[in-house]
Amino acid sequence: MSKAGGLPLAAWLAAFRTLRAWHRYEVRGLDSLLSPGAKLIVAYHGRPLALDQCLLTVTLYERLGYLPHGIIHGYFGQNRLLRRFIDGLGFVTGDGPGIVQAVARGEHILVQPGGTREGCRSFRHRYKVDWGERLGYLRLAIRHGLPIIPVAGDGVDDFFLGLNDGYELGRRLGVPAGLPVWLGLGATGVWPLALPFPVKITQLVGAPIERHLGGRIDPSDRPALLELHQEVRGAVQALMDRARGRREGA
C-alpha cells in the first residue's frame, strides 16, 4: 500500500468526491487500470488544473485502495508546506525513489506531459493536445517497464474560461519556477477563488500501449521516441475527440 494518508488524503477525497457530484463525473474503460501491475497513466491536462484526473484518482482509490502517484510541478517540492501535503498524497515531482517504490508495489503513476503550458491556455485553444516534444514520460515508462494507458475526456476545458496564455505571461513577468500567471473565470467569480462551471465530465480510458516494453525501444533513440510520442499523443487526442463527439452527437 501507498504511504499516503492522514489529513491531506482525507481532504483530497472529501474535496474531489464533492466535485465528482458537481461535475456528474463518469469514467468508461476503467478495466484497463484495474488489472494487476503498475501502469503509466498519460493524460491531457484540462483547464487550468487537471481536475478530471483528480476525479479519476478518487475513483481508483475506491477500487484499488491507493491514489495513483501523480507527477506534479516541481515547485511543490520546493515549498516546505506544499511538500508535506503532496507527501501525504503520495505524489512526486519527478522520477526518483518514490516512483521506484510505487512501481515495486504495483501502483500506477499519473502524468500530464502538457503540464501547465497545456492547461493554462486561453479560450482560443481548447481540446487540442499540445505536448511539444516532451519525451521524459516515455523514458520513464521504458525505465520502469510500464504499459502506457492514455486518458482524456469531455468537459475538461470548460471548467473555467481562460483569458490568457498563463505560461507565456509567467515567462514575461519572470515568475520563478516556471509557474504560470493565468486569468480565468468560473461559476462564482475569478479563478482560483471561484467554483468551476458545473460541466459534465465524461472520461475515457484507452487500451494499453506496450510496444516500448521488453527493450524494444532504446530510451536514447530519439527518432523512435518521437514516433511513440506521436502515437500516444494521437491516442489521447482520439479519446478526447470521441468523448466530445458522443456529447455533440447526442
Protein backbone atom coordinates (compact mmCIF):
# COMPACT_ATOMS: atom_id res chain seq x y z
CA MET A 1 0.00 0.00 0.00
CA SER A 2 1.00 3.63 -0.52
CA LYS A 3 2.33 5.74 2.32
CA ALA A 4 -0.32 8.39 1.55
CA GLY A 5 -2.67 9.15 4.39
CA GLY A 6 -3.65 11.50 7.18
CA LEU A 7 -5.24 14.90 6.76
CA PRO A 8 -4.01 15.51 3.15
CA LEU A 9 -5.63 12.30 1.93
CA ALA A 10 -8.86 12.92 3.83
CA ALA A 11 -9.08 16.48 2.46
CA TRP A 12 -8.34 15.30 -1.09
CA LEU A 13 -11.01 12.61 -1.02
CA ALA A 14 -13.63 14.92 0.50
CA ALA A 15 -12.98 17.74 -1.98
CA PHE A 16 -12.98 15.62 -5.11
CA ARG A 17 -15.90 13.44 -4.10
CA THR A 18 -17.86 16.69 -3.83
CA LEU A 19 -16.62 17.84 -7.24
CA ARG A 20 -17.39 14.41 -8.69
CA ALA A 21 -21.06 15.05 -7.93
CA TRP A 22 -20.80 18.69 -9.08
CA HIS A 23 -19.50 17.56 -12.48
CA ARG A 24 -21.65 14.41 -12.78
CA TYR A 25 -18.40 12.60 -13.47
CA GLU A 26 -18.32 9.24 -15.21
CA VAL A 27 -15.42 7.19 -16.50
CA ARG A 28 -15.55 4.49 -19.17
CA GLY A 29 -12.99 1.80 -19.93
CA LEU A 30 -11.70 1.65 -16.35
CA ASP A 31 -10.89 -2.07 -16.63
CA SER A 32 -7.56 -1.14 -18.26
CA LEU A 33 -6.50 0.26 -14.88
CA LEU A 34 -7.91 -2.46 -12.65
CA SER A 35 -5.74 -5.36 -13.79
CA PRO A 36 -2.68 -6.17 -11.65
CA GLY A 37 0.60 -4.33 -12.15
CA ALA A 38 1.78 -0.73 -12.26
CA LYS A 39 0.95 1.36 -15.32
CA LEU A 40 1.71 4.87 -16.53
CA ILE A 41 -1.49 6.88 -16.97
CA VAL A 42 -0.80 9.53 -19.63
CA ALA A 43 -3.45 12.21 -19.84
CA TYR A 44 -4.50 15.53 -21.30
CA HIS A 45 -4.13 18.48 -18.91
CA GLY A 46 -7.52 20.18 -18.57
CA ARG A 47 -8.01 23.81 -17.68
CA PRO A 48 -6.33 25.11 -15.57
CA LEU A 49 -5.83 22.15 -13.23
CA ALA A 50 -6.27 18.57 -14.35
CA LEU A 51 -9.49 18.25 -12.36
CA ASP A 52 -10.73 15.25 -14.29
CA GLN A 53 -7.54 13.38 -13.42
CA CYS A 54 -8.05 14.31 -9.77
CA LEU A 55 -11.54 12.80 -10.01
CA LEU A 56 -10.03 9.67 -11.56
CA THR A 57 -7.64 9.31 -8.63
CA VAL A 58 -10.59 9.19 -6.22
CA THR A 59 -12.37 6.52 -8.25
CA LEU A 60 -9.19 4.45 -8.41
CA TYR A 61 -8.64 4.90 -4.68
CA GLU A 62 -12.09 3.44 -4.07
CA ARG A 63 -11.36 0.48 -6.35
CA LEU A 64 -7.66 -0.16 -5.65
CA GLY A 65 -7.07 1.27 -2.18
CA TYR A 66 -4.47 3.87 -3.12
CA LEU A 67 -4.12 7.16 -5.00
CA PRO A 68 -2.15 6.92 -8.24
CA HIS A 69 1.16 8.70 -7.82
CA GLY A 70 0.80 11.92 -9.76
CA ILE A 71 3.91 13.60 -11.14
CA ILE A 72 3.31 17.28 -10.46
CA HIS A 73 5.00 20.67 -10.90
CA GLY A 74 8.46 20.85 -9.33
CA TYR A 75 7.50 23.93 -7.29
CA PHE A 76 5.51 21.71 -4.93
CA GLY A 77 8.72 20.01 -3.90
CA GLN A 78 10.48 23.32 -3.20
CA ASN A 79 7.87 24.68 -0.77
CA ARG A 80 8.02 23.08 2.69
CA LEU A 81 4.28 23.22 3.40
CA LEU A 82 3.29 22.03 -0.06
CA ARG A 83 5.89 19.29 0.18
CA ARG A 84 4.24 17.90 3.29
CA PHE A 85 0.87 17.97 1.56
CA ILE A 86 1.99 16.11 -1.57
CA ASP A 87 3.89 13.59 0.54
CA GLY A 88 0.60 12.88 2.31
CA LEU A 89 -0.93 12.12 -1.09
CA GLY A 90 1.95 10.05 -2.39
CA PHE A 91 2.58 12.49 -5.25
CA VAL A 92 6.06 13.12 -6.65
CA THR A 93 7.82 15.88 -8.59
CA GLY A 94 9.96 13.64 -10.79
CA ASP A 95 11.48 10.22 -11.35
CA GLY A 96 13.14 9.03 -8.17
CA PRO A 97 12.86 6.64 -5.22
CA GLY A 98 9.14 7.36 -4.78
CA ILE A 99 8.36 6.04 -8.24
CA VAL A 100 10.67 3.04 -7.84
CA GLN A 101 8.87 2.09 -4.63
CA ALA A 102 5.40 2.67 -6.11
CA VAL A 103 6.15 0.51 -9.15
CA ALA A 104 7.51 -2.24 -6.90
CA ARG A 105 4.14 -2.20 -5.08
CA GLY A 106 2.30 -2.42 -8.40
CA GLU A 107 0.82 1.09 -8.12
CA HIS A 108 0.02 3.38 -11.03
CA ILE A 109 1.87 6.58 -11.96
CA LEU A 110 -0.04 9.54 -13.45
CA VAL A 111 1.43 12.22 -15.72
CA GLN A 112 0.18 15.01 -17.99
CA PRO A 113 3.03 15.71 -20.45
CA GLY A 114 1.50 19.08 -21.49
CA GLY A 115 1.70 20.39 -17.92
CA THR A 116 0.67 23.95 -17.16
CA ARG A 117 1.61 25.04 -20.68
CA GLU A 118 -1.28 22.94 -21.97
CA GLY A 119 -3.63 23.58 -19.06
CA CYS A 120 -3.24 27.35 -18.73
CA ARG A 121 -4.17 28.43 -22.25
CA SER A 122 -6.85 30.87 -23.35
CA PHE A 123 -10.31 30.01 -24.62
CA ARG A 124 -8.90 30.28 -28.16
CA HIS A 125 -7.00 27.00 -27.69
CA ARG A 126 -9.22 24.21 -26.41
CA TYR A 127 -9.30 20.41 -26.63
CA LYS A 128 -6.05 20.15 -28.61
CA VAL A 129 -3.22 18.07 -27.19
CA ASP A 130 -0.07 20.23 -27.04
CA TRP A 131 2.93 18.33 -25.68
CA GLY A 132 5.65 19.73 -27.90
CA GLU A 133 8.49 17.21 -27.89
CA ARG A 134 8.42 16.41 -24.18
CA LEU A 135 9.69 12.83 -24.08
CA GLY A 136 10.57 12.34 -20.42
CA TYR A 137 7.39 10.39 -19.70
CA LEU A 138 8.37 7.83 -22.35
CA ARG A 139 11.83 7.36 -20.89
CA LEU A 140 10.18 6.87 -17.51
CA ALA A 141 7.82 4.22 -18.95
CA ILE A 142 10.75 2.39 -20.57
CA ARG A 143 12.95 2.65 -17.48
CA HIS A 144 10.31 1.18 -15.18
CA GLY A 145 8.68 -1.22 -17.65
CA LEU A 146 5.29 0.49 -17.50
CA PRO A 147 2.49 0.00 -20.05
CA ILE A 148 1.08 3.37 -21.12
CA ILE A 149 -2.64 3.99 -20.58
CA PRO A 150 -3.99 7.03 -22.49
CA VAL A 151 -6.79 9.01 -20.81
CA ALA A 152 -8.85 12.04 -21.91
CA GLY A 153 -12.40 13.31 -21.71
CA ASP A 154 -15.07 15.83 -22.48
CA GLY A 155 -15.76 18.96 -20.44
CA VAL A 156 -12.18 19.35 -19.21
CA ASP A 157 -11.55 22.69 -20.96
CA ASP A 158 -14.88 24.10 -19.79
CA PHE A 159 -14.21 24.18 -16.03
CA PHE A 160 -13.07 27.80 -16.40
CA LEU A 161 -12.97 30.38 -19.18
CA GLY A 162 -9.30 31.11 -19.85
CA LEU A 163 -8.48 34.72 -20.68
CA ASN A 164 -4.77 34.47 -21.49
CA ASP A 165 -1.78 32.22 -22.06
CA GLY A 166 -0.64 31.76 -18.47
CA TYR A 167 2.65 30.09 -19.34
CA GLU A 168 3.71 32.93 -21.63
CA LEU A 169 2.67 35.65 -19.18
CA GLY A 170 4.54 33.91 -16.39
CA ARG A 171 7.69 33.92 -18.52
CA ARG A 172 7.30 37.59 -19.39
CA LEU A 173 6.90 38.51 -15.73
CA GLY A 174 9.85 36.36 -14.71
CA VAL A 175 7.85 34.28 -12.26
CA PRO A 176 10.18 31.76 -10.56
CA ALA A 177 9.97 28.00 -11.05
CA GLY A 178 8.25 28.43 -14.41
CA LEU A 179 4.88 28.99 -12.76
CA PRO A 180 2.10 30.33 -14.99
CA VAL A 181 0.15 33.54 -14.42
CA TRP A 182 -3.28 32.58 -15.65
CA LEU A 183 -6.51 34.57 -15.61
CA GLY A 184 -9.78 32.67 -15.72
CA LEU A 185 -13.45 33.00 -14.89
CA GLY A 186 -15.52 30.36 -13.14
CA ALA A 187 -19.07 29.86 -11.95
CA THR A 188 -18.69 32.16 -8.96
CA GLY A 189 -16.01 34.63 -9.99
CA VAL A 190 -12.30 34.72 -10.78
CA TRP A 191 -10.03 31.68 -10.53
CA PRO A 192 -8.64 30.45 -8.14
CA LEU A 193 -11.30 31.88 -5.80
CA ALA A 194 -14.22 30.53 -7.81
CA LEU A 195 -16.00 27.24 -8.25
CA PRO A 196 -15.64 25.67 -11.71
CA PHE A 197 -18.61 25.74 -14.05
CA PRO A 198 -20.75 22.62 -13.38
CA VAL A 199 -19.97 20.94 -16.70
CA LYS A 200 -20.48 17.19 -17.03
CA ILE A 201 -17.24 15.23 -17.27
CA THR A 202 -17.15 12.05 -19.32
CA GLN A 203 -13.72 10.46 -19.25
CA LEU A 204 -12.45 7.66 -21.49
CA VAL A 205 -9.61 5.27 -20.63
CA GLY A 206 -7.88 3.80 -23.65
CA ALA A 207 -6.24 0.46 -24.38
CA PRO A 208 -2.67 -0.13 -23.16
CA ILE A 209 0.25 0.85 -25.39
CA GLU A 210 3.07 -1.63 -24.85
CA ARG A 211 5.36 -1.69 -27.88
CA HIS A 212 8.10 0.12 -25.93
CA LEU A 213 8.39 -2.69 -23.38
CA GLY A 214 10.91 -5.50 -23.25
CA GLY A 215 13.79 -3.46 -24.64
CA ARG A 216 12.09 -2.86 -27.98
CA ILE A 217 12.81 0.89 -27.84
CA ASP A 218 16.12 2.30 -26.63
CA PRO A 219 15.49 5.37 -24.42
CA SER A 220 18.37 7.13 -26.20
CA ASP A 221 16.82 6.57 -29.65
CA ARG A 222 15.18 9.96 -30.16
CA PRO A 223 13.53 9.20 -33.54
CA ALA A 224 11.91 6.08 -32.07
CA LEU A 225 10.77 8.03 -29.02
CA LEU A 226 9.27 10.75 -31.21
CA GLU A 227 7.36 8.13 -33.20
CA LEU A 228 5.99 6.61 -29.99
CA HIS A 229 5.26 10.11 -28.68
CA GLN A 230 3.08 10.83 -31.69
CA GLU A 231 1.27 7.52 -31.19
CA VAL A 232 0.48 8.28 -27.55
CA ARG A 233 -0.45 11.89 -28.29
CA GLY A 234 -2.73 10.69 -31.08
CA ALA A 235 -4.38 8.13 -28.80
CA VAL A 236 -5.14 10.80 -26.18
CA GLN A 237 -6.48 13.21 -28.82
CA ALA A 238 -8.66 10.46 -30.31
CA LEU A 239 -10.16 9.64 -26.91
CA MET A 240 -10.96 13.30 -26.31
CA ASP A 241 -12.49 13.69 -29.76
CA ARG A 242 -14.57 10.56 -29.23
CA ALA A 243 -15.83 11.75 -25.85
CA ARG A 244 -16.78 15.13 -27.29
CA GLY A 245 -18.34 13.59 -30.37
CA ARG A 246 -20.57 11.43 -28.21
CA ARG A 247 -21.92 14.56 -26.49
CA GLU A 248 -22.24 16.63 -29.66
CA GLY A 249 -23.95 13.79 -31.48
CA ALA A 250 -26.40 13.09 -28.67
